[in-house]
Amino acid sequence: MTELVDPEDPAAGLAAVVALRRLADRLEDSQVEQAMRAGWSWSDVAEVLGVTRQAVHKKHAKRLIAAGVALRRR
């Protein structure tokens, strides 16, 4: 197996962490939007993500509204 990051280079390792966080954020945004378009509630999404309903709403509501997603109330 080929090493993706030189274990002796902290800068490369930290850059990989940043890249993974950005990828995870984009994936979360996409999947939350897909779930909400499919009629999921904030509570449904929060349960799967392992966070509170309020946390999901705070993080995603404005973006989803701007994208034209019809959001459920509770």
N, C-alpha and C. Protein backbone atom coordinates (compact mmCIF):
# COMPACT_ATOMS: atom_id res chain seq x y z
N MET A 1 0.84 -1.18 0.00
CA MET A 1 0.00 0.00 0.00
C MET A 1 0.89 1.25 0.00
N THR A 2 0.54 2.23 -0.79
CA THR A 2 1.31 3.45 -0.90
C THR A 2 0.89 4.44 0.19
N GLU A 3 1.87 5.07 0.83
CA GLU A 3 1.60 6.11 1.83
C GLU A 3 1.05 7.34 1.11
N LEU A 4 -0.05 7.89 1.62
CA LEU A 4 -0.61 9.10 1.03
C LEU A 4 0.02 10.35 1.62
N VAL A 5 0.46 10.24 2.88
CA VAL A 5 1.06 11.38 3.57
C VAL A 5 2.34 10.90 4.23
N ASP A 6 3.40 11.66 4.10
CA ASP A 6 4.66 11.34 4.75
C ASP A 6 4.48 11.47 6.26
N PRO A 7 4.58 10.37 7.02
CA PRO A 7 4.36 10.43 8.47
C PRO A 7 5.38 11.31 9.19
N GLU A 8 6.46 11.65 8.54
CA GLU A 8 7.49 12.50 9.13
C GLU A 8 7.27 13.98 8.85
N ASP A 9 6.24 14.30 8.07
CA ASP A 9 6.00 15.69 7.67
C ASP A 9 4.68 16.19 8.26
N PRO A 10 4.74 16.88 9.40
CA PRO A 10 3.51 17.37 10.03
C PRO A 10 2.70 18.30 9.12
N ALA A 11 3.35 19.09 8.31
CA ALA A 11 2.62 20.01 7.42
C ALA A 11 1.76 19.22 6.44
N ALA A 12 2.31 18.16 5.89
CA ALA A 12 1.55 17.35 4.95
C ALA A 12 0.39 16.65 5.65
N GLY A 13 0.64 16.16 6.85
CA GLY A 13 -0.42 15.50 7.62
C GLY A 13 -1.55 16.46 7.97
N LEU A 14 -1.19 17.66 8.40
CA LEU A 14 -2.21 18.64 8.74
C LEU A 14 -2.98 19.11 7.51
N ALA A 15 -2.29 19.24 6.39
CA ALA A 15 -2.96 19.60 5.14
C ALA A 15 -3.97 18.51 4.76
N ALA A 16 -3.62 17.27 4.99
CA ALA A 16 -4.54 16.16 4.70
C ALA A 16 -5.76 16.24 5.61
N VAL A 17 -5.57 16.59 6.87
CA VAL A 17 -6.69 16.75 7.80
C VAL A 17 -7.64 17.84 7.30
N VAL A 18 -7.09 18.97 6.88
CA VAL A 18 -7.91 20.07 6.37
C VAL A 18 -8.70 19.61 5.14
N ALA A 19 -8.04 18.92 4.23
CA ALA A 19 -8.70 18.45 3.02
C ALA A 19 -9.84 17.47 3.36
N LEU A 20 -9.61 16.59 4.31
CA LEU A 20 -10.65 15.64 4.71
C LEU A 20 -11.83 16.35 5.37
N ARG A 21 -11.56 17.35 6.20
CA ARG A 21 -12.65 18.11 6.83
C ARG A 21 -13.50 18.82 5.77
N ARG A 22 -12.85 19.42 4.79
CA ARG A 22 -13.59 20.11 3.73
C ARG A 22 -14.44 19.13 2.94
N LEU A 23 -13.89 17.97 2.63
CA LEU A 23 -14.63 16.95 1.91
C LEU A 23 -15.81 16.46 2.75
N ALA A 24 -15.59 16.22 4.03
CA ALA A 24 -16.67 15.78 4.92
C ALA A 24 -17.77 16.83 5.01
N ASP A 25 -17.40 18.10 5.08
CA ASP A 25 -18.40 19.18 5.14
C ASP A 25 -19.23 19.22 3.86
N ARG A 26 -18.59 19.09 2.72
CA ARG A 26 -19.33 19.10 1.45
C ARG A 26 -20.27 17.90 1.35
N LEU A 27 -19.79 16.74 1.79
CA LEU A 27 -20.61 15.54 1.77
C LEU A 27 -21.80 15.69 2.71
N GLU A 28 -21.57 16.24 3.90
CA GLU A 28 -22.67 16.47 4.85
C GLU A 28 -23.69 17.43 4.26
N ASP A 29 -23.23 18.54 3.69
CA ASP A 29 -24.15 19.51 3.08
C ASP A 29 -25.03 18.83 2.03
N SER A 30 -24.41 18.07 1.17
CA SER A 30 -25.13 17.41 0.10
C SER A 30 -26.15 16.41 0.63
N GLN A 31 -25.74 15.61 1.60
CA GLN A 31 -26.63 14.57 2.11
C GLN A 31 -27.76 15.14 2.97
N VAL A 32 -27.48 16.20 3.73
CA VAL A 32 -28.54 16.85 4.49
C VAL A 32 -29.56 17.44 3.52
N GLU A 33 -29.09 18.09 2.47
CA GLU A 33 -30.02 18.64 1.48
C GLU A 33 -30.85 17.54 0.85
N GLN A 34 -30.22 16.44 0.48
CA GLN A 34 -30.96 15.33 -0.13
C GLN A 34 -32.01 14.78 0.84
N ALA A 35 -31.64 14.63 2.10
CA ALA A 35 -32.58 14.12 3.10
C ALA A 35 -33.76 15.07 3.28
N MET A 36 -33.48 16.37 3.36
CA MET A 36 -34.56 17.34 3.55
C MET A 36 -35.48 17.39 2.33
N ARG A 37 -34.90 17.28 1.14
CA ARG A 37 -35.73 17.26 -0.08
C ARG A 37 -36.60 15.99 -0.11
N ALA A 38 -36.12 14.93 0.55
CA ALA A 38 -36.88 13.67 0.60
C ALA A 38 -37.92 13.67 1.71
N GLY A 39 -38.01 14.79 2.45
CA GLY A 39 -39.04 14.89 3.47
C GLY A 39 -38.62 14.54 4.88
N TRP A 40 -37.34 14.35 5.10
CA TRP A 40 -36.87 14.05 6.45
C TRP A 40 -37.07 15.27 7.34
N SER A 41 -37.22 15.03 8.62
CA SER A 41 -37.31 16.12 9.60
C SER A 41 -35.91 16.45 10.11
N TRP A 42 -35.82 17.61 10.77
CA TRP A 42 -34.55 17.98 11.39
C TRP A 42 -34.14 16.91 12.40
N SER A 43 -35.11 16.38 13.13
CA SER A 43 -34.81 15.35 14.13
C SER A 43 -34.28 14.07 13.49
N ASP A 44 -34.85 13.69 12.34
CA ASP A 44 -34.38 12.50 11.63
C ASP A 44 -32.91 12.66 11.23
N VAL A 45 -32.59 13.80 10.65
CA VAL A 45 -31.23 14.06 10.20
C VAL A 45 -30.28 14.10 11.40
N ALA A 46 -30.70 14.80 12.44
CA ALA A 46 -29.86 14.94 13.64
C ALA A 46 -29.55 13.58 14.26
N GLU A 47 -30.54 12.72 14.30
CA GLU A 47 -30.33 11.40 14.91
C GLU A 47 -29.26 10.61 14.15
N VAL A 48 -29.34 10.63 12.84
CA VAL A 48 -28.36 9.89 12.04
C VAL A 48 -26.96 10.49 12.19
N LEU A 49 -26.89 11.82 12.26
CA LEU A 49 -25.58 12.48 12.40
C LEU A 49 -25.04 12.44 13.82
N GLY A 50 -25.89 12.10 14.78
CA GLY A 50 -25.44 12.03 16.17
C GLY A 50 -25.27 13.39 16.82
N VAL A 51 -26.10 14.34 16.40
CA VAL A 51 -26.07 15.69 16.96
C VAL A 51 -27.50 16.09 17.31
N THR A 52 -27.67 17.29 17.85
CA THR A 52 -29.02 17.75 18.18
C THR A 52 -29.72 18.32 16.95
N ARG A 53 -31.04 18.35 17.04
CA ARG A 53 -31.85 18.94 15.99
C ARG A 53 -31.47 20.41 15.80
N GLN A 54 -31.24 21.08 16.92
CA GLN A 54 -30.88 22.49 16.86
C GLN A 54 -29.54 22.70 16.14
N ALA A 55 -28.60 21.81 16.37
CA ALA A 55 -27.28 21.93 15.73
C ALA A 55 -27.39 21.78 14.21
N VAL A 56 -28.20 20.83 13.77
CA VAL A 56 -28.38 20.62 12.33
C VAL A 56 -29.08 21.84 11.72
N HIS A 57 -30.10 22.30 12.39
CA HIS A 57 -30.85 23.46 11.88
C HIS A 57 -29.94 24.68 11.78
N LYS A 58 -29.19 24.95 12.83
CA LYS A 58 -28.30 26.11 12.85
C LYS A 58 -27.27 26.05 11.72
N LYS A 59 -26.73 24.86 11.48
CA LYS A 59 -25.68 24.71 10.48
C LYS A 59 -26.20 24.77 9.04
N HIS A 60 -27.42 24.27 8.81
CA HIS A 60 -27.86 24.05 7.43
C HIS A 60 -29.07 24.87 6.97
N ALA A 61 -29.86 25.41 7.87
CA ALA A 61 -31.15 26.02 7.48
C ALA A 61 -30.99 27.14 6.46
N LYS A 62 -30.12 28.09 6.71
CA LYS A 62 -29.99 29.24 5.79
C LYS A 62 -29.61 28.79 4.39
N ARG A 63 -28.65 27.86 4.31
CA ARG A 63 -28.21 27.38 3.01
C ARG A 63 -29.33 26.65 2.28
N LEU A 64 -30.08 25.84 3.01
CA LEU A 64 -31.17 25.09 2.40
C LEU A 64 -32.29 26.02 1.92
N ILE A 65 -32.62 27.01 2.71
CA ILE A 65 -33.64 27.99 2.31
C ILE A 65 -33.19 28.71 1.04
N ALA A 66 -31.92 29.12 1.00
CA ALA A 66 -31.37 29.80 -0.19
C ALA A 66 -31.40 28.89 -1.42
N ALA A 67 -31.30 27.58 -1.19
CA ALA A 67 -31.33 26.61 -2.29
C ALA A 67 -32.76 26.25 -2.70
N GLY A 68 -33.74 26.83 -2.00
CA GLY A 68 -35.13 26.59 -2.36
C GLY A 68 -35.72 25.29 -1.82
N VAL A 69 -35.09 24.74 -0.80
CA VAL A 69 -35.59 23.50 -0.20
C VAL A 69 -36.75 23.85 0.74
N ALA A 70 -37.87 23.16 0.56
CA ALA A 70 -39.03 23.35 1.44
C ALA A 70 -38.75 22.59 2.74
N LEU A 71 -38.62 23.33 3.82
CA LEU A 71 -38.25 22.73 5.10
C LEU A 71 -39.49 22.42 5.92
N ARG A 72 -39.43 21.27 6.60
CA ARG A 72 -40.51 20.88 7.50
C ARG A 72 -40.36 21.61 8.81
N ARG A 73 -41.42 21.83 9.46
CA ARG A 73 -41.38 22.43 10.82
C ARG A 73 -41.00 21.35 11.78
N ARG A 74 -41.30 20.77 12.56
CA ARG A 74 -40.93 19.67 13.43
C ARG A 74 -41.61 18.50 12.92
